Amino acid sequence: MTLTLPPKVTERAFARLSEIGVAAQGKALRVAVEGGGCSGFQYEITLDAPSEDDLVLERGGEKVVIDSVSLPFLSDATIDFSEELIGARFTIDNPNASSSCGCGTSFSM
């Protein structure tokens, strides 16, 4: 698996990070892929300090970071923020996923 295109972060996602003051806390939104979940892989989304080997996507001082192991799984993915009746959350639209679970946090390739 090779990284062909870097992930994208929407304006809405960066705006939400700014609203909750993530950069002011010295942190970034970390998006990682781990084994597990009902479909084989799962997204882990946390607030964390950037590491040296992270890809850093930045706008207006707000940062989204992705570790080097997760990057190939997120090639050309879009990281967004969604507000719906059931709640608000960061979402990932991943063109590499062949299937995903109903909650959107687990996927297979």
N, C-alpha and C. Protein backbone atom coordinates (compact mmCIF):
# COMPACT_ATOMS: atom_id res chain seq x y z
N MET A 1 0.85 -1.17 0.00
CA MET A 1 0.00 0.00 0.00
C MET A 1 0.90 1.24 0.00
N THR A 2 0.68 2.15 -0.94
CA THR A 2 1.49 3.36 -1.01
C THR A 2 0.60 4.59 -0.94
N LEU A 3 1.16 5.64 -0.43
CA LEU A 3 0.43 6.91 -0.33
C LEU A 3 0.49 7.59 -1.68
N THR A 4 -0.67 7.80 -2.29
CA THR A 4 -0.69 8.47 -3.58
C THR A 4 -1.06 9.94 -3.44
N LEU A 5 -2.04 10.23 -2.63
CA LEU A 5 -2.46 11.60 -2.41
C LEU A 5 -2.63 11.83 -0.91
N PRO A 6 -2.18 12.97 -0.42
CA PRO A 6 -2.35 13.21 1.03
C PRO A 6 -3.82 13.41 1.37
N PRO A 7 -4.19 13.16 2.61
CA PRO A 7 -5.56 13.43 3.06
C PRO A 7 -5.86 14.92 2.98
N LYS A 8 -7.14 15.25 2.90
CA LYS A 8 -7.59 16.63 2.87
C LYS A 8 -8.40 16.90 4.14
N VAL A 9 -8.36 18.14 4.60
CA VAL A 9 -9.15 18.56 5.75
C VAL A 9 -10.04 19.70 5.28
N THR A 10 -11.33 19.61 5.57
CA THR A 10 -12.26 20.64 5.12
C THR A 10 -12.16 21.90 5.97
N GLU A 11 -12.65 22.99 5.41
CA GLU A 11 -12.71 24.26 6.15
C GLU A 11 -13.56 24.09 7.40
N ARG A 12 -14.63 23.32 7.29
CA ARG A 12 -15.53 23.10 8.43
C ARG A 12 -14.80 22.41 9.58
N ALA A 13 -13.93 21.44 9.27
CA ALA A 13 -13.17 20.75 10.31
C ALA A 13 -12.18 21.71 10.99
N PHE A 14 -11.46 22.50 10.18
CA PHE A 14 -10.53 23.47 10.77
C PHE A 14 -11.28 24.51 11.60
N ALA A 15 -12.46 24.93 11.13
CA ALA A 15 -13.25 25.91 11.88
C ALA A 15 -13.67 25.34 13.24
N ARG A 16 -14.04 24.07 13.27
CA ARG A 16 -14.44 23.46 14.54
C ARG A 16 -13.26 23.38 15.50
N LEU A 17 -12.07 23.03 14.98
CA LEU A 17 -10.87 23.00 15.82
C LEU A 17 -10.61 24.37 16.42
N SER A 18 -10.81 25.40 15.62
CA SER A 18 -10.61 26.77 16.10
C SER A 18 -11.64 27.12 17.17
N GLU A 19 -12.89 26.71 16.98
CA GLU A 19 -13.95 27.00 17.95
C GLU A 19 -13.65 26.40 19.32
N ILE A 20 -13.09 25.20 19.33
CA ILE A 20 -12.82 24.55 20.61
C ILE A 20 -11.41 24.85 21.13
N GLY A 21 -10.65 25.66 20.38
CA GLY A 21 -9.36 26.14 20.86
C GLY A 21 -8.28 25.08 20.98
N VAL A 22 -8.21 24.19 20.01
CA VAL A 22 -7.23 23.10 20.06
C VAL A 22 -5.79 23.63 20.02
N ALA A 23 -5.50 24.57 19.12
CA ALA A 23 -4.14 25.11 19.01
C ALA A 23 -3.74 25.85 20.29
N ALA A 24 -4.70 26.53 20.90
CA ALA A 24 -4.41 27.27 22.14
C ALA A 24 -4.02 26.32 23.26
N GLN A 25 -4.42 25.07 23.16
CA GLN A 25 -4.06 24.06 24.16
C GLN A 25 -2.72 23.39 23.82
N GLY A 26 -2.10 23.81 22.69
CA GLY A 26 -0.84 23.21 22.26
C GLY A 26 -1.03 21.83 21.67
N LYS A 27 -2.21 21.55 21.18
CA LYS A 27 -2.52 20.23 20.65
C LYS A 27 -2.99 20.30 19.21
N ALA A 28 -3.20 19.13 18.63
CA ALA A 28 -3.71 18.98 17.28
C ALA A 28 -4.73 17.86 17.27
N LEU A 29 -5.52 17.79 16.22
CA LEU A 29 -6.43 16.67 16.03
C LEU A 29 -5.63 15.54 15.41
N ARG A 30 -5.50 14.42 16.12
CA ARG A 30 -4.77 13.27 15.60
C ARG A 30 -5.76 12.28 15.01
N VAL A 31 -5.51 11.90 13.75
CA VAL A 31 -6.31 10.89 13.08
C VAL A 31 -5.38 9.70 12.83
N ALA A 32 -5.76 8.55 13.36
CA ALA A 32 -4.94 7.34 13.22
C ALA A 32 -5.83 6.18 12.79
N VAL A 33 -5.19 5.16 12.24
CA VAL A 33 -5.87 3.93 11.86
C VAL A 33 -5.26 2.81 12.68
N GLU A 34 -6.12 2.03 13.32
CA GLU A 34 -5.67 0.91 14.15
C GLU A 34 -6.39 -0.36 13.73
N GLY A 35 -5.81 -1.49 14.01
CA GLY A 35 -6.48 -2.75 13.77
C GLY A 35 -7.60 -2.92 14.77
N GLY A 36 -8.68 -3.58 14.34
CA GLY A 36 -9.81 -3.81 15.23
C GLY A 36 -11.08 -3.26 14.66
N GLY A 37 -12.07 -3.15 15.47
CA GLY A 37 -13.36 -2.68 15.01
C GLY A 37 -14.12 -3.80 14.33
N CYS A 38 -15.37 -3.58 14.03
CA CYS A 38 -16.19 -4.64 13.47
C CYS A 38 -15.88 -4.92 12.00
N SER A 39 -15.13 -4.06 11.33
CA SER A 39 -14.82 -4.26 9.91
C SER A 39 -13.34 -4.52 9.65
N GLY A 40 -12.49 -4.59 10.67
CA GLY A 40 -11.07 -4.89 10.46
C GLY A 40 -10.13 -3.78 10.88
N PHE A 41 -10.45 -2.54 10.53
CA PHE A 41 -9.66 -1.38 10.93
C PHE A 41 -10.62 -0.38 11.57
N GLN A 42 -10.07 0.49 12.40
CA GLN A 42 -10.90 1.53 12.99
C GLN A 42 -10.14 2.84 13.07
N TYR A 43 -10.87 3.93 12.99
CA TYR A 43 -10.28 5.26 13.13
C TYR A 43 -10.18 5.60 14.61
N GLU A 44 -9.08 6.21 14.96
CA GLU A 44 -8.89 6.73 16.32
C GLU A 44 -8.69 8.23 16.16
N ILE A 45 -9.59 9.02 16.72
CA ILE A 45 -9.52 10.48 16.61
C ILE A 45 -9.38 11.04 18.02
N THR A 46 -8.25 11.71 18.26
CA THR A 46 -7.96 12.23 19.59
C THR A 46 -7.32 13.62 19.47
N LEU A 47 -7.20 14.30 20.59
CA LEU A 47 -6.42 15.53 20.66
C LEU A 47 -5.08 15.15 21.25
N ASP A 48 -4.00 15.53 20.58
CA ASP A 48 -2.67 15.07 20.96
C ASP A 48 -1.64 16.08 20.46
N ALA A 49 -0.45 16.04 21.04
CA ALA A 49 0.65 16.87 20.56
C ALA A 49 1.26 16.22 19.31
N PRO A 50 1.64 17.01 18.32
CA PRO A 50 2.28 16.45 17.12
C PRO A 50 3.61 15.77 17.46
N SER A 51 3.94 14.72 16.71
CA SER A 51 5.22 14.03 16.84
C SER A 51 6.07 14.33 15.62
N GLU A 52 7.35 14.03 15.71
CA GLU A 52 8.29 14.35 14.62
C GLU A 52 7.95 13.69 13.30
N ASP A 53 7.46 12.45 13.32
CA ASP A 53 7.21 11.74 12.06
C ASP A 53 5.79 11.92 11.53
N ASP A 54 5.00 12.82 12.12
CA ASP A 54 3.63 13.05 11.67
C ASP A 54 3.57 13.89 10.41
N LEU A 55 2.58 13.61 9.58
CA LEU A 55 2.20 14.54 8.53
C LEU A 55 1.34 15.59 9.22
N VAL A 56 1.66 16.87 9.02
CA VAL A 56 0.91 17.95 9.67
C VAL A 56 0.17 18.72 8.59
N LEU A 57 -1.15 18.76 8.71
CA LEU A 57 -2.00 19.56 7.82
C LEU A 57 -2.46 20.74 8.65
N GLU A 58 -2.13 21.95 8.21
CA GLU A 58 -2.35 23.13 9.06
C GLU A 58 -3.05 24.25 8.29
N ARG A 59 -3.95 24.93 9.01
CA ARG A 59 -4.60 26.12 8.47
C ARG A 59 -4.96 27.02 9.64
N GLY A 60 -4.56 28.26 9.56
CA GLY A 60 -4.91 29.23 10.59
C GLY A 60 -4.40 28.87 11.97
N GLY A 61 -3.28 28.15 12.04
CA GLY A 61 -2.71 27.76 13.31
C GLY A 61 -3.25 26.44 13.85
N GLU A 62 -4.39 25.98 13.34
CA GLU A 62 -4.96 24.70 13.75
C GLU A 62 -4.31 23.58 12.95
N LYS A 63 -4.10 22.43 13.60
CA LYS A 63 -3.38 21.33 12.96
C LYS A 63 -4.15 20.02 13.06
N VAL A 64 -4.04 19.24 11.99
CA VAL A 64 -4.48 17.85 11.98
C VAL A 64 -3.23 17.05 11.69
N VAL A 65 -2.95 16.03 12.51
CA VAL A 65 -1.73 15.24 12.34
C VAL A 65 -2.09 13.77 12.11
N ILE A 66 -1.25 13.13 11.28
CA ILE A 66 -1.43 11.72 10.95
C ILE A 66 -0.08 11.05 11.03
N ASP A 67 0.00 9.95 11.77
CA ASP A 67 1.28 9.24 11.92
C ASP A 67 1.62 8.50 10.63
N SER A 68 2.90 8.18 10.46
CA SER A 68 3.38 7.58 9.22
C SER A 68 2.80 6.20 8.94
N VAL A 69 2.44 5.45 9.98
CA VAL A 69 1.86 4.12 9.77
C VAL A 69 0.43 4.24 9.23
N SER A 70 -0.31 5.25 9.67
CA SER A 70 -1.71 5.44 9.25
C SER A 70 -1.84 6.09 7.88
N LEU A 71 -0.82 6.80 7.42
CA LEU A 71 -0.90 7.56 6.18
C LEU A 71 -1.36 6.75 4.97
N PRO A 72 -0.80 5.57 4.71
CA PRO A 72 -1.24 4.83 3.52
C PRO A 72 -2.73 4.47 3.55
N PHE A 73 -3.28 4.25 4.73
CA PHE A 73 -4.69 3.91 4.86
C PHE A 73 -5.59 5.12 4.61
N LEU A 74 -5.03 6.32 4.72
CA LEU A 74 -5.81 7.55 4.59
C LEU A 74 -5.49 8.33 3.31
N SER A 75 -4.84 7.69 2.36
CA SER A 75 -4.51 8.34 1.10
C SER A 75 -5.78 8.88 0.44
N ASP A 76 -5.79 10.17 0.12
CA ASP A 76 -6.89 10.85 -0.56
C ASP A 76 -8.19 10.90 0.26
N ALA A 77 -8.13 10.61 1.55
CA ALA A 77 -9.32 10.69 2.40
C ALA A 77 -9.64 12.15 2.71
N THR A 78 -10.88 12.40 3.11
CA THR A 78 -11.30 13.74 3.49
C THR A 78 -11.75 13.71 4.95
N ILE A 79 -11.15 14.58 5.75
CA ILE A 79 -11.49 14.71 7.16
C ILE A 79 -12.41 15.92 7.29
N ASP A 80 -13.59 15.71 7.86
CA ASP A 80 -14.60 16.75 7.92
C ASP A 80 -15.20 16.80 9.33
N PHE A 81 -16.05 17.77 9.56
CA PHE A 81 -16.79 17.86 10.81
C PHE A 81 -18.27 17.89 10.44
N SER A 82 -19.06 17.04 11.08
CA SER A 82 -20.47 16.91 10.75
C SER A 82 -21.33 17.18 11.98
N GLU A 83 -22.39 17.95 11.78
CA GLU A 83 -23.37 18.20 12.84
C GLU A 83 -24.71 17.68 12.34
N GLU A 84 -25.23 16.66 13.04
CA GLU A 84 -26.49 16.05 12.66
C GLU A 84 -27.40 15.97 13.89
N LEU A 85 -28.60 15.51 13.71
CA LEU A 85 -29.53 15.37 14.83
C LEU A 85 -29.00 14.43 15.90
N ILE A 86 -28.23 13.41 15.49
CA ILE A 86 -27.72 12.43 16.45
C ILE A 86 -26.45 12.90 17.15
N GLY A 87 -25.90 14.03 16.72
CA GLY A 87 -24.71 14.57 17.38
C GLY A 87 -23.73 15.17 16.39
N ALA A 88 -22.65 15.69 16.92
CA ALA A 88 -21.61 16.31 16.11
C ALA A 88 -20.33 15.51 16.28
N ARG A 89 -19.57 15.36 15.18
CA ARG A 89 -18.33 14.58 15.26
C ARG A 89 -17.47 14.84 14.03
N PHE A 90 -16.18 14.53 14.17
CA PHE A 90 -15.29 14.54 13.03
C PHE A 90 -15.53 13.25 12.25
N THR A 91 -15.58 13.36 10.92
CA THR A 91 -15.83 12.21 10.07
C THR A 91 -14.71 12.04 9.05
N ILE A 92 -14.61 10.84 8.50
CA ILE A 92 -13.60 10.55 7.49
C ILE A 92 -14.27 9.89 6.31
N ASP A 93 -14.13 10.49 5.15
CA ASP A 93 -14.59 9.90 3.89
C ASP A 93 -13.36 9.29 3.24
N ASN A 94 -13.27 7.97 3.26
CA ASN A 94 -12.06 7.27 2.83
C ASN A 94 -12.33 6.48 1.56
N PRO A 95 -11.79 6.92 0.41
CA PRO A 95 -12.02 6.20 -0.84
C PRO A 95 -11.31 4.84 -0.89
N ASN A 96 -10.42 4.56 0.05
CA ASN A 96 -9.70 3.29 0.09
C ASN A 96 -10.50 2.19 0.80
N ALA A 97 -11.53 2.57 1.54
CA ALA A 97 -12.31 1.59 2.29
C ALA A 97 -13.26 0.86 1.35
N SER A 98 -13.21 -0.48 1.38
CA SER A 98 -14.11 -1.26 0.54
C SER A 98 -15.47 -1.44 1.22
N SER A 99 -15.50 -1.36 2.54
CA SER A 99 -16.76 -1.40 3.28
C SER A 99 -16.53 -0.74 4.62
N SER A 100 -17.62 -0.35 5.27
CA SER A 100 -17.51 0.27 6.60
C SER A 100 -18.72 -0.12 7.41
N CYS A 101 -18.61 0.06 8.71
CA CYS A 101 -19.72 -0.25 9.60
C CYS A 101 -20.70 0.92 9.60
N GLY A 102 -21.83 0.71 10.22
CA GLY A 102 -22.86 1.74 10.25
C GLY A 102 -22.48 3.01 10.98
N CYS A 103 -21.60 2.89 11.99
CA CYS A 103 -21.25 4.07 12.78
C CYS A 103 -20.15 4.90 12.11
N GLY A 104 -19.48 4.35 11.09
CA GLY A 104 -18.46 5.11 10.36
C GLY A 104 -17.10 5.15 11.00
N THR A 105 -16.88 4.40 12.08
CA THR A 105 -15.56 4.41 12.72
C THR A 105 -14.75 3.18 12.38
N SER A 106 -15.33 2.20 11.72
CA SER A 106 -14.65 0.96 11.38
C SER A 106 -14.77 0.71 9.88
N PHE A 107 -13.71 0.16 9.28
CA PHE A 107 -13.74 -0.07 7.83
C PHE A 107 -12.83 -1.23 7.46
N SER A 108 -13.00 -1.72 6.23
CA SER A 108 -12.09 -2.75 5.70
C SER A 108 -11.56 -2.26 4.36
N MET A 109 -10.45 -2.86 3.96
CA MET A 109 -9.82 -2.47 2.69
C MET A 109 -9.70 -3.67 1.79
